[in-house]
Protein backbone atom coordinates (compact mmCIF):
# COMPACT_ATOMS: atom_id res chain seq x y z
CA MET A 1 7.22 35.01 7.55
CA PRO A 2 7.25 38.92 7.41
CA ASN A 3 9.90 39.23 10.46
CA ALA A 4 12.19 37.49 8.23
CA LEU A 5 11.73 40.10 5.38
CA PRO A 6 14.71 42.90 5.67
CA GLY A 7 12.79 46.03 7.41
CA VAL A 8 9.36 44.71 8.23
CA MET A 9 9.71 44.57 11.78
CA ASN A 10 11.68 47.65 11.86
CA ASP A 11 8.89 49.75 10.26
CA PRO A 12 7.53 52.12 12.77
CA THR A 13 3.88 51.66 11.92
CA ILE A 14 4.00 47.99 12.22
CA ALA A 15 5.78 48.26 15.63
CA GLU A 16 3.30 50.77 16.80
CA VAL A 17 0.36 48.83 15.65
CA LEU A 18 1.69 45.65 17.33
CA GLN A 19 2.38 47.65 20.55
CA GLU A 20 -1.38 49.03 20.57
CA VAL A 21 -2.54 45.43 19.93
CA ALA A 22 -0.51 44.05 22.67
CA VAL A 23 -1.74 46.59 25.42
CA ALA A 24 -5.35 46.40 24.42
CA ALA A 25 -5.49 42.79 24.26
CA GLY A 26 -2.98 41.60 26.88
CA ASP A 27 -4.76 41.90 30.07
CA ASN A 28 -7.68 39.82 29.67
CA ASP A 29 -6.24 36.70 27.82
CA PRO A 30 -2.41 36.62 27.27
CA GLU A 31 -2.47 33.56 24.95
CA LEU A 32 -5.13 35.06 22.85
CA ALA A 33 -3.19 38.49 22.70
CA ARG A 34 -0.04 36.49 21.85
CA ALA A 35 -1.77 34.70 18.91
CA THR A 36 -3.66 37.93 17.69
CA GLY A 37 -0.08 39.44 17.64
CA GLU A 38 1.15 36.83 15.64
CA VAL A 39 -1.54 36.69 13.12
CA LEU A 40 -1.39 40.54 12.80
CA LYS A 41 2.16 40.63 12.21
CA PHE A 42 1.85 37.98 9.25
CA GLU A 43 -1.25 40.02 7.86
CA LEU A 44 0.70 43.47 8.14
CA GLY A 45 3.58 42.27 6.20
CA TYR A 46 1.21 42.21 3.24
CA LEU A 47 1.15 46.09 3.41
CA TYR A 48 4.77 46.50 3.84
CA PRO A 49 6.18 49.14 2.79
CA VAL A 50 3.12 51.03 2.08
CA ILE A 51 1.42 50.40 5.57
CA GLY A 52 1.90 54.08 7.05
CA PRO A 53 -0.44 55.82 4.44
CA VAL A 54 -2.95 52.68 4.72
CA ILE A 55 -3.04 52.81 8.31
CA GLY A 56 -3.10 56.13 9.19
CA ASP A 57 -3.21 56.24 12.96
CA PRO A 58 -2.17 52.78 14.55
CA ALA A 59 -4.05 53.15 17.71
CA THR A 60 -7.42 53.64 15.77
CA PHE A 61 -6.49 50.67 13.41
CA ALA A 62 -5.41 48.27 16.62
CA GLN A 63 -8.98 49.37 18.26
CA ALA A 64 -10.60 48.45 14.93
CA TYR A 65 -8.59 45.28 13.97
CA LEU A 66 -9.52 43.94 17.75
CA HIS A 67 -13.14 44.83 17.44
CA LYS A 68 -13.82 44.14 13.60
CA ASP A 69 -17.77 44.00 14.15
CA ALA A 70 -18.07 47.20 16.24
CA ALA A 71 -20.05 50.11 14.77
CA THR A 72 -17.11 52.24 14.85
CA VAL A 73 -15.15 50.18 12.01
CA THR A 74 -15.35 52.02 8.95
CA PRO A 75 -16.45 50.70 5.59
CA ALA A 76 -12.49 51.20 4.43
CA GLN A 77 -11.26 49.38 7.71
CA ARG A 78 -13.72 46.31 6.94
CA ASP A 79 -12.44 46.18 3.05
CA LEU A 80 -8.89 46.00 4.41
CA PHE A 81 -9.48 43.57 6.95
CA ALA A 82 -11.43 41.38 4.41
CA TRP A 83 -8.51 41.85 2.08
CA LEU A 84 -5.99 40.78 4.64
CA SER A 85 -8.06 37.61 5.62
CA ALA A 86 -8.40 36.69 2.12
CA GLN A 87 -4.51 37.13 1.34
CA THR A 88 -4.02 34.55 4.40
CA ALA A 89 -6.46 32.33 3.21
CA LYS A 90 -4.90 32.31 -0.46
CA LEU A 91 -1.50 31.18 1.37
CA MET A 92 -3.18 28.43 3.48
CA GLU A 93 -4.76 27.16 0.37
CA MET A 94 -1.36 26.86 -1.32
CA ALA A 95 0.06 25.16 1.70
């Protein structure tokens, strides 16, 4: 679990992305927002400690993450989301 790793949850980019997602997703469905945040927290752990350069702008990343099928999501973001999903799938296969 990423928050068990030293420093992961203290990373300012991770904290900012999680805050952006919580604010953007929290009003409509609190349970979905909580679940999304937990999955995202896990996935962002794959990027630690290089998350700052990979994410760039946490607000933009959060919006793209929440709206993965939107036309505004860049090919690089789509590739990153696919990679994150693939890493999680590999872990699930090992369980």
